Amino acid sequence: TRNGKQFDGKSFWTRKHIDWINTVSFSEPLLQDTLKEYMIEYNHLCDRVETLDKQIEEISLKEEYVEKVQQLQCLIGIKTHTALSLIVETSDFNRFKKGNMYSAYLGLIPGDDSSGGHENKLGITKAGNNHLRKLLVEAAQGYTRGRVGFKSKDLKSRQEKCSSEVVAYADRANERLRRKYYRMILRGKRYNVAKTAIARELACFVWGIMTDHIDLCS
């Protein structure tokens, strides 16, 4: 808008937005050259991301990872990158006796300030692995939309690679978390608070799958 050009779509950096940028032209050569350089860099970064995604996909197919990655992908919001990151960076899930201990390790549990017989709940501790915490909070966004019990074609395809026991467990988790999110929003909880609560419980279900505790997290 600074130079009289304004995109009338709703979302930026979509295919429609990029197509619009490619039609933009400026009478001043300096502005046109600047735009061209920006788009060259944008396309370079897109190519780089695509290359890295392919490398991650190749690593996920290694014998020591493939089954675990497929199992975690039965959960809404978790695909190859997130699944592989959780597996590699956590390493041994069995060092956590319960799922909520894994959530605590990721800094997803609320802190508290207790003094003089009073207990004040604080925000999440943000202790532990910052990268995995962010990935799970991002994955939790998948539960903030859609009908409870609904499965996308992509999710069904991912679940076809896993045992019926793992799929049933993931289905219970997916329905429970989506229902919990909607309940929290109806009770007036803020979006970010509800989303973080879903991420906290999602971590428990991840722990359950990775430790063969195929039951609801407590």
C-alpha atoms as a PDB file:
ATOM      1  CA  THR A   1       0.000   0.000   0.000  1.00  0.00           C
ATOM      2  CA  ARG A   2       2.969   2.327   0.551  1.00  0.00           C
ATOM      3  CA  ASN A   3       3.459   2.629  -3.212  1.00  0.00           C
ATOM      4  CA  GLY A   4      -0.189   2.538  -4.206  1.00  0.00           C
ATOM      5  CA  LYS A   5      -0.392  -1.232  -4.636  1.00  0.00           C
ATOM      6  CA  GLN A   6      -2.792  -3.194  -2.437  1.00  0.00           C
ATOM      7  CA  PHE A   7      -3.743  -6.865  -2.470  1.00  0.00           C
ATOM      8  CA  ASP A   8      -7.504  -7.348  -2.071  1.00  0.00           C
ATOM      9  CA  GLY A   9      -7.362 -10.987  -0.917  1.00  0.00           C
ATOM     10  CA  LYS A  10      -7.758 -12.239   2.661  1.00  0.00           C
ATOM     11  CA  SER A  11      -4.502 -14.163   3.137  1.00  0.00           C
ATOM     12  CA  PHE A  12      -0.945 -13.249   2.289  1.00  0.00           C
ATOM     13  CA  TRP A  13       1.718 -15.523   0.739  1.00  0.00           C
ATOM     14  CA  THR A  14      -0.923 -17.843  -0.677  1.00  0.00           C
ATOM     15  CA  ARG A  15      -0.854 -18.911  -4.318  1.00  0.00           C
ATOM     16  CA  LYS A  16      -3.342 -16.151  -5.118  1.00  0.00           C
ATOM     17  CA  HIS A  17      -1.176 -13.550  -3.376  1.00  0.00           C
ATOM     18  CA  ILE A  18       1.985 -14.661  -5.181  1.00  0.00           C
ATOM     19  CA  ASP A  19       0.182 -14.574  -8.534  1.00  0.00           C
ATOM     20  CA  TRP A  20      -0.918 -11.022  -7.736  1.00  0.00           C
ATOM     21  CA  ILE A  21       2.631  -9.949  -6.821  1.00  0.00           C
ATOM     22  CA  ASN A  22       3.856 -11.282 -10.157  1.00  0.00           C
ATOM     23  CA  THR A  23       1.443  -8.915 -11.949  1.00  0.00           C
ATOM     24  CA  VAL A  24       2.600  -5.829 -10.023  1.00  0.00           C
ATOM     25  CA  SER A  25       4.662  -3.361 -11.986  1.00  0.00           C
ATOM     26  CA  PHE A  26       6.158   0.000 -11.065  1.00  0.00           C
ATOM     27  CA  SER A  27       7.012   2.855 -13.399  1.00  0.00           C
ATOM     28  CA  GLU A  28      10.092   3.615 -11.329  1.00  0.00           C
ATOM     29  CA  PRO A  29      12.926   1.163 -12.216  1.00  0.00           C
ATOM     30  CA  LEU A  30      14.331   1.113  -8.676  1.00  0.00           C
ATOM     31  CA  LEU A  31      11.038  -0.099  -7.212  1.00  0.00           C
ATOM     32  CA  GLN A  32      10.654  -2.722  -9.942  1.00  0.00           C
ATOM     33  CA  ASP A  33      14.189  -4.015  -9.369  1.00  0.00           C
ATOM     34  CA  THR A  34      13.630  -4.121  -5.611  1.00  0.00           C
ATOM     35  CA  LEU A  35      10.469  -6.173  -6.042  1.00  0.00           C
ATOM     36  CA  LYS A  36      12.300  -8.511  -8.418  1.00  0.00           C
ATOM     37  CA  GLU A  37      15.096  -9.066  -5.871  1.00  0.00           C
ATOM     38  CA  TYR A  38      12.565  -9.747  -3.120  1.00  0.00           C
ATOM     39  CA  MET A  39      10.836 -12.407  -5.210  1.00  0.00           C
ATOM     40  CA  ILE A  40      14.133 -14.030  -6.209  1.00  0.00           C
ATOM     41  CA  GLU A  41      14.981 -14.382  -2.523  1.00  0.00           C
ATOM     42  CA  TYR A  42      11.456 -15.633  -1.709  1.00  0.00           C
ATOM     43  CA  ASN A  43      11.651 -18.329  -4.387  1.00  0.00           C
ATOM     44  CA  HIS A  44      15.136 -19.307  -3.203  1.00  0.00           C
ATOM     45  CA  LEU A  45      13.883 -19.776   0.359  1.00  0.00           C
ATOM     46  CA  CYS A  46      10.877 -21.788  -0.871  1.00  0.00           C
ATOM     47  CA  ASP A  47      13.207 -24.086  -2.804  1.00  0.00           C
ATOM     48  CA  ARG A  48      15.415 -24.442   0.264  1.00  0.00           C
ATOM     49  CA  VAL A  49      12.448 -25.374   2.466  1.00  0.00           C
ATOM     50  CA  GLU A  50      11.296 -27.917  -0.113  1.00  0.00           C
ATOM     51  CA  THR A  51      14.777 -29.487  -0.184  1.00  0.00           C
ATOM     52  CA  LEU A  52      14.922 -29.707   3.609  1.00  0.00           C
ATOM     53  CA  ASP A  53      11.425 -31.215   3.732  1.00  0.00           C
ATOM     54  CA  LYS A  54      12.534 -33.934   1.325  1.00  0.00           C
ATOM     55  CA  GLN A  55      15.593 -34.664   3.467  1.00  0.00           C
ATOM     56  CA  ILE A  56      13.429 -34.909   6.602  1.00  0.00           C
ATOM     57  CA  GLU A  57      11.079 -37.252   4.759  1.00  0.00           C
ATOM     58  CA  GLU A  58      14.014 -39.477   3.764  1.00  0.00           C
ATOM     59  CA  ILE A  59      15.317 -39.626   7.348  1.00  0.00           C
ATOM     60  CA  SER A  60      11.849 -40.501   8.647  1.00  0.00           C
ATOM     61  CA  LEU A  61      11.828 -43.597   6.427  1.00  0.00           C
ATOM     62  CA  LYS A  62      14.870 -45.078   8.142  1.00  0.00           C
ATOM     63  CA  GLU A  63      14.187 -48.325   9.963  1.00  0.00           C
ATOM     64  CA  GLU A  64      14.714 -46.887  13.447  1.00  0.00           C
ATOM     65  CA  TYR A  65      12.172 -44.094  12.874  1.00  0.00           C
ATOM     66  CA  VAL A  66       9.568 -45.125  10.331  1.00  0.00           C
ATOM     67  CA  GLU A  67       7.104 -46.991  12.588  1.00  0.00           C
ATOM     68  CA  LYS A  68       7.216 -44.390  15.363  1.00  0.00           C
ATOM     69  CA  VAL A  69       6.759 -41.540  12.897  1.00  0.00           C
ATOM     70  CA  GLN A  70       3.758 -43.279  11.353  1.00  0.00           C
ATOM     71  CA  GLN A  71       2.203 -43.835  14.783  1.00  0.00           C
ATOM     72  CA  LEU A  72       2.532 -40.208  15.857  1.00  0.00           C
ATOM     73  CA  GLN A  73       1.040 -39.055  12.572  1.00  0.00           C
ATOM     74  CA  CYS A  74      -2.235 -40.685  13.637  1.00  0.00           C
ATOM     75  CA  LEU A  75      -2.728 -37.618  15.838  1.00  0.00           C
ATOM     76  CA  ILE A  76      -4.233 -34.463  14.370  1.00  0.00           C
ATOM     77  CA  GLY A  77      -1.676 -31.741  13.707  1.00  0.00           C
ATOM     78  CA  ILE A  78       1.355 -34.042  13.756  1.00  0.00           C
ATOM     79  CA  LYS A  79       3.077 -34.773  10.476  1.00  0.00           C
ATOM     80  CA  THR A  80       6.550 -35.929   9.503  1.00  0.00           C
ATOM     81  CA  HIS A  81       8.588 -32.932  10.689  1.00  0.00           C
ATOM     82  CA  THR A  82       6.905 -32.706  14.100  1.00  0.00           C
ATOM     83  CA  ALA A  83       6.865 -36.471  14.620  1.00  0.00           C
ATOM     84  CA  LEU A  84      10.535 -36.915  13.771  1.00  0.00           C
ATOM     85  CA  SER A  85      11.544 -33.931  15.915  1.00  0.00           C
ATOM     86  CA  LEU A  86       9.674 -35.336  18.921  1.00  0.00           C
ATOM     87  CA  ILE A  87      11.312 -38.740  18.499  1.00  0.00           C
ATOM     88  CA  VAL A  88      14.863 -37.545  17.909  1.00  0.00           C
ATOM     89  CA  GLU A  89      14.978 -34.727  20.458  1.00  0.00           C
ATOM     90  CA  THR A  90      13.180 -36.611  23.244  1.00  0.00           C
ATOM     91  CA  SER A  91      15.201 -39.767  22.590  1.00  0.00           C
ATOM     92  CA  ASP A  92      13.957 -42.027  25.418  1.00  0.00           C
ATOM     93  CA  PHE A  93      10.303 -41.477  26.296  1.00  0.00           C
ATOM     94  CA  ASN A  94      10.495 -44.176  28.972  1.00  0.00           C
ATOM     95  CA  ARG A  95      12.513 -41.901  31.252  1.00  0.00           C
ATOM     96  CA  PHE A  96       9.193 -40.202  32.025  1.00  0.00           C
ATOM     97  CA  LYS A  97       6.954 -42.301  34.282  1.00  0.00           C
ATOM     98  CA  LYS A  98       3.777 -40.516  33.237  1.00  0.00           C
ATOM     99  CA  GLY A  99       2.574 -38.385  30.381  1.00  0.00           C
ATOM    100  CA  ASN A 100       2.195 -35.290  32.550  1.00  0.00           C
ATOM    101  CA  MET A 101       5.884 -35.602  33.456  1.00  0.00           C
ATOM    102  CA  TYR A 102       6.672 -35.361  29.757  1.00  0.00           C
ATOM    103  CA  SER A 103       4.447 -32.274  29.523  1.00  0.00           C
ATOM    104  CA  ALA A 104       6.376 -30.773  32.431  1.00  0.00           C
ATOM    105  CA  TYR A 105       9.658 -31.560  30.684  1.00  0.00           C
ATOM    106  CA  LEU A 106       8.430 -29.524  27.717  1.00  0.00           C
ATOM    107  CA  GLY A 107       7.413 -26.605  29.940  1.00  0.00           C
ATOM    108  CA  LEU A 108       3.720 -26.957  29.123  1.00  0.00           C
ATOM    109  CA  ILE A 109       2.411 -27.122  32.704  1.00  0.00           C
ATOM    110  CA  PRO A 110       1.316 -24.004  34.643  1.00  0.00           C
ATOM    111  CA  GLY A 111       3.660 -22.606  37.239  1.00  0.00           C
ATOM    112  CA  ASP A 112       2.435 -21.571  40.689  1.00  0.00           C
ATOM    113  CA  ASP A 113       3.348 -19.020  43.296  1.00  0.00           C
ATOM    114  CA  SER A 114       2.497 -20.370  46.733  1.00  0.00           C
ATOM    115  CA  SER A 115       3.010 -18.333  49.874  1.00  0.00           C
ATOM    116  CA  GLY A 116       1.140 -17.779  53.129  1.00  0.00           C
ATOM    117  CA  GLY A 117      -1.395 -20.499  52.384  1.00  0.00           C
ATOM    118  CA  HIS A 118      -2.343 -18.941  49.065  1.00  0.00           C
ATOM    119  CA  GLU A 119      -1.702 -20.573  45.706  1.00  0.00           C
ATOM    120  CA  ASN A 120      -1.618 -18.480  42.567  1.00  0.00           C
ATOM    121  CA  LYS A 121      -1.539 -20.187  39.191  1.00  0.00           C
ATOM    122  CA  LEU A 122       0.871 -18.674  36.714  1.00  0.00           C
ATOM    123  CA  GLY A 123       1.438 -19.169  32.995  1.00  0.00           C
ATOM    124  CA  ILE A 124       3.217 -22.231  31.668  1.00  0.00           C
ATOM    125  CA  THR A 125       6.778 -22.663  32.923  1.00  0.00           C
ATOM    126  CA  LYS A 126       8.355 -22.726  29.436  1.00  0.00           C
ATOM    127  CA  ALA A 127      11.087 -24.918  30.865  1.00  0.00           C
ATOM    128  CA  GLY A 128      12.753 -27.682  28.865  1.00  0.00           C
ATOM    129  CA  ASN A 129      12.832 -28.079  25.109  1.00  0.00           C
ATOM    130  CA  ASN A 130      11.604 -24.849  23.523  1.00  0.00           C
ATOM    131  CA  HIS A 131      11.559 -26.282  19.984  1.00  0.00           C
ATOM    132  CA  LEU A 132       9.340 -29.245  20.841  1.00  0.00           C
ATOM    133  CA  ARG A 133       7.033 -27.056  22.921  1.00  0.00           C
ATOM    134  CA  LYS A 134       6.491 -24.727  19.969  1.00  0.00           C
ATOM    135  CA  LEU A 135       5.867 -27.656  17.631  1.00  0.00           C
ATOM    136  CA  LEU A 136       3.188 -29.097  19.912  1.00  0.00           C
ATOM    137  CA  VAL A 137       1.485 -25.720  20.376  1.00  0.00           C
ATOM    138  CA  GLU A 138       1.453 -25.383  16.596  1.00  0.00           C
ATOM    139  CA  ALA A 139       0.080 -28.924  16.255  1.00  0.00           C
ATOM    140  CA  ALA A 140      -2.657 -28.062  18.768  1.00  0.00           C
ATOM    141  CA  GLN A 141      -4.081 -25.571  16.268  1.00  0.00           C
ATOM    142  CA  GLY A 142      -5.409 -28.556  14.347  1.00  0.00           C
ATOM    143  CA  TYR A 143      -7.900 -29.138  17.173  1.00  0.00           C
ATOM    144  CA  THR A 144      -9.251 -25.588  17.070  1.00  0.00           C
ATOM    145  CA  ARG A 145     -11.319 -26.188  13.951  1.00  0.00           C
ATOM    146  CA  GLY A 146     -13.441 -28.946  12.504  1.00  0.00           C
ATOM    147  CA  ARG A 147     -16.207 -31.149  13.840  1.00  0.00           C
ATOM    148  CA  VAL A 148     -15.577 -33.520  16.751  1.00  0.00           C
ATOM    149  CA  GLY A 149     -14.964 -36.983  15.307  1.00  0.00           C
ATOM    150  CA  PHE A 150     -14.296 -35.719  11.776  1.00  0.00           C
ATOM    151  CA  LYS A 151     -11.334 -37.238   9.928  1.00  0.00           C
ATOM    152  CA  SER A 152      -9.778 -35.584   6.919  1.00  0.00           C
ATOM    153  CA  LYS A 153      -8.694 -37.697   3.947  1.00  0.00           C
ATOM    154  CA  ASP A 154      -5.090 -36.937   4.846  1.00  0.00           C
ATOM    155  CA  LEU A 155      -5.528 -38.178   8.420  1.00  0.00           C
ATOM    156  CA  LYS A 156      -7.267 -41.350   7.238  1.00  0.00           C
ATOM    157  CA  SER A 157      -4.413 -41.992   4.825  1.00  0.00           C
ATOM    158  CA  ARG A 158      -1.819 -41.578   7.573  1.00  0.00           C
ATOM    159  CA  GLN A 159      -3.707 -43.887   9.916  1.00  0.00           C
ATOM    160  CA  GLU A 160      -3.887 -46.685   7.333  1.00  0.00           C
ATOM    161  CA  LYS A 161      -0.223 -47.437   8.022  1.00  0.00           C
ATOM    162  CA  CYS A 162      -0.771 -48.218  11.720  1.00  0.00           C
ATOM    163  CA  SER A 163      -2.316 -50.938  13.857  1.00  0.00           C
ATOM    164  CA  SER A 164      -5.979 -50.768  14.835  1.00  0.00           C
ATOM    165  CA  GLU A 165      -4.946 -50.353  18.492  1.00  0.00           C
ATOM    166  CA  VAL A 166      -2.871 -47.241  17.787  1.00  0.00           C
ATOM    167  CA  VAL A 167      -5.562 -45.797  15.507  1.00  0.00           C
ATOM    168  CA  ALA A 168      -8.269 -46.356  18.146  1.00  0.00           C
ATOM    169  CA  TYR A 169      -6.088 -44.666  20.765  1.00  0.00           C
ATOM    170  CA  ALA A 170      -5.359 -41.728  18.461  1.00  0.00           C
ATOM    171  CA  ASP A 171      -9.057 -41.398  17.593  1.00  0.00           C
ATOM    172  CA  ARG A 172      -9.964 -41.177  21.277  1.00  0.00           C
ATOM    173  CA  ALA A 173      -7.249 -38.580  21.770  1.00  0.00           C
ATOM    174  CA  ASN A 174      -8.341 -36.549  18.735  1.00  0.00           C
ATOM    175  CA  GLU A 175     -11.995 -36.505  19.772  1.00  0.00           C
ATOM    176  CA  ARG A 176     -11.206 -35.728  23.391  1.00  0.00           C
ATOM    177  CA  LEU A 177      -8.856 -32.845  22.605  1.00  0.00           C
ATOM    178  CA  ARG A 178     -11.142 -31.229  20.044  1.00  0.00           C
ATOM    179  CA  ARG A 179     -14.110 -31.512  22.414  1.00  0.00           C
ATOM    180  CA  LYS A 180     -12.035 -30.089  25.266  1.00  0.00           C
ATOM    181  CA  TYR A 181     -10.992 -27.105  23.174  1.00  0.00           C
ATOM    182  CA  TYR A 182     -14.575 -26.214  22.275  1.00  0.00           C
ATOM    183  CA  ARG A 183     -15.679 -26.574  25.904  1.00  0.00           C
ATOM    184  CA  MET A 184     -12.934 -24.231  27.063  1.00  0.00           C
ATOM    185  CA  ILE A 185     -13.838 -21.613  24.465  1.00  0.00           C
ATOM    186  CA  LEU A 186     -17.528 -21.807  25.396  1.00  0.00           C
ATOM    187  CA  ARG A 187     -16.571 -21.220  29.032  1.00  0.00           C
ATOM    188  CA  GLY A 188     -14.823 -18.017  27.997  1.00  0.00           C
ATOM    189  CA  LYS A 189     -11.196 -19.167  27.966  1.00  0.00           C
ATOM    190  CA  ARG A 190      -8.906 -17.187  25.706  1.00  0.00           C
ATOM    191  CA  TYR A 191      -7.800 -18.826  22.462  1.00  0.00           C
ATOM    192  CA  ASN A 192      -4.126 -19.046  23.432  1.00  0.00           C
ATOM    193  CA  VAL A 193      -4.931 -20.457  26.877  1.00  0.00           C
ATOM    194  CA  ALA A 194      -7.162 -23.152  25.383  1.00  0.00           C
ATOM    195  CA  LYS A 195      -4.645 -23.982  22.659  1.00  0.00           C
ATOM    196  CA  THR A 196      -1.832 -24.359  25.174  1.00  0.00           C
ATOM    197  CA  ALA A 197      -3.994 -26.632  27.323  1.00  0.00           C
ATOM    198  CA  ILE A 198      -4.568 -28.828  24.261  1.00  0.00           C
ATOM    199  CA  ALA A 199      -0.814 -28.893  23.552  1.00  0.00           C
ATOM    200  CA  ARG A 200      -0.177 -29.960  27.159  1.00  0.00           C
ATOM    201  CA  GLU A 201      -2.538 -32.931  26.888  1.00  0.00           C
ATOM    202  CA  LEU A 202      -1.381 -33.725  23.354  1.00  0.00           C
ATOM    203  CA  ALA A 203       2.106 -34.224  24.805  1.00  0.00           C
ATOM    204  CA  CYS A 204       0.615 -36.840  27.129  1.00  0.00           C
ATOM    205  CA  PHE A 205      -0.879 -38.749  24.217  1.00  0.00           C
ATOM    206  CA  VAL A 206       2.428 -38.581  22.353  1.00  0.00           C
ATOM    207  CA  TRP A 207       4.085 -40.108  25.416  1.00  0.00           C
ATOM    208  CA  GLY A 208       1.381 -42.790  25.543  1.00  0.00           C
ATOM    209  CA  ILE A 209       2.005 -43.881  21.963  1.00  0.00           C
ATOM    210  CA  MET A 210       5.770 -43.821  22.287  1.00  0.00           C
ATOM    211  CA  THR A 211       5.754 -45.902  25.516  1.00  0.00           C
ATOM    212  CA  ASP A 212       2.963 -48.305  24.515  1.00  0.00           C
ATOM    213  CA  HIS A 213       0.675 -46.907  27.203  1.00  0.00           C
ATOM    214  CA  ILE A 214      -2.358 -46.980  24.962  1.00  0.00           C
ATOM    215  CA  ASP A 215      -4.781 -45.483  27.442  1.00  0.00           C
ATOM    216  CA  LEU A 216      -6.060 -41.998  28.208  1.00  0.00           C
ATOM    217  CA  CYS A 217      -3.520 -39.670  29.780  1.00  0.00           C
ATOM    218  CA  SER A 218      -4.009 -38.677  33.378  1.00  0.00           C
END
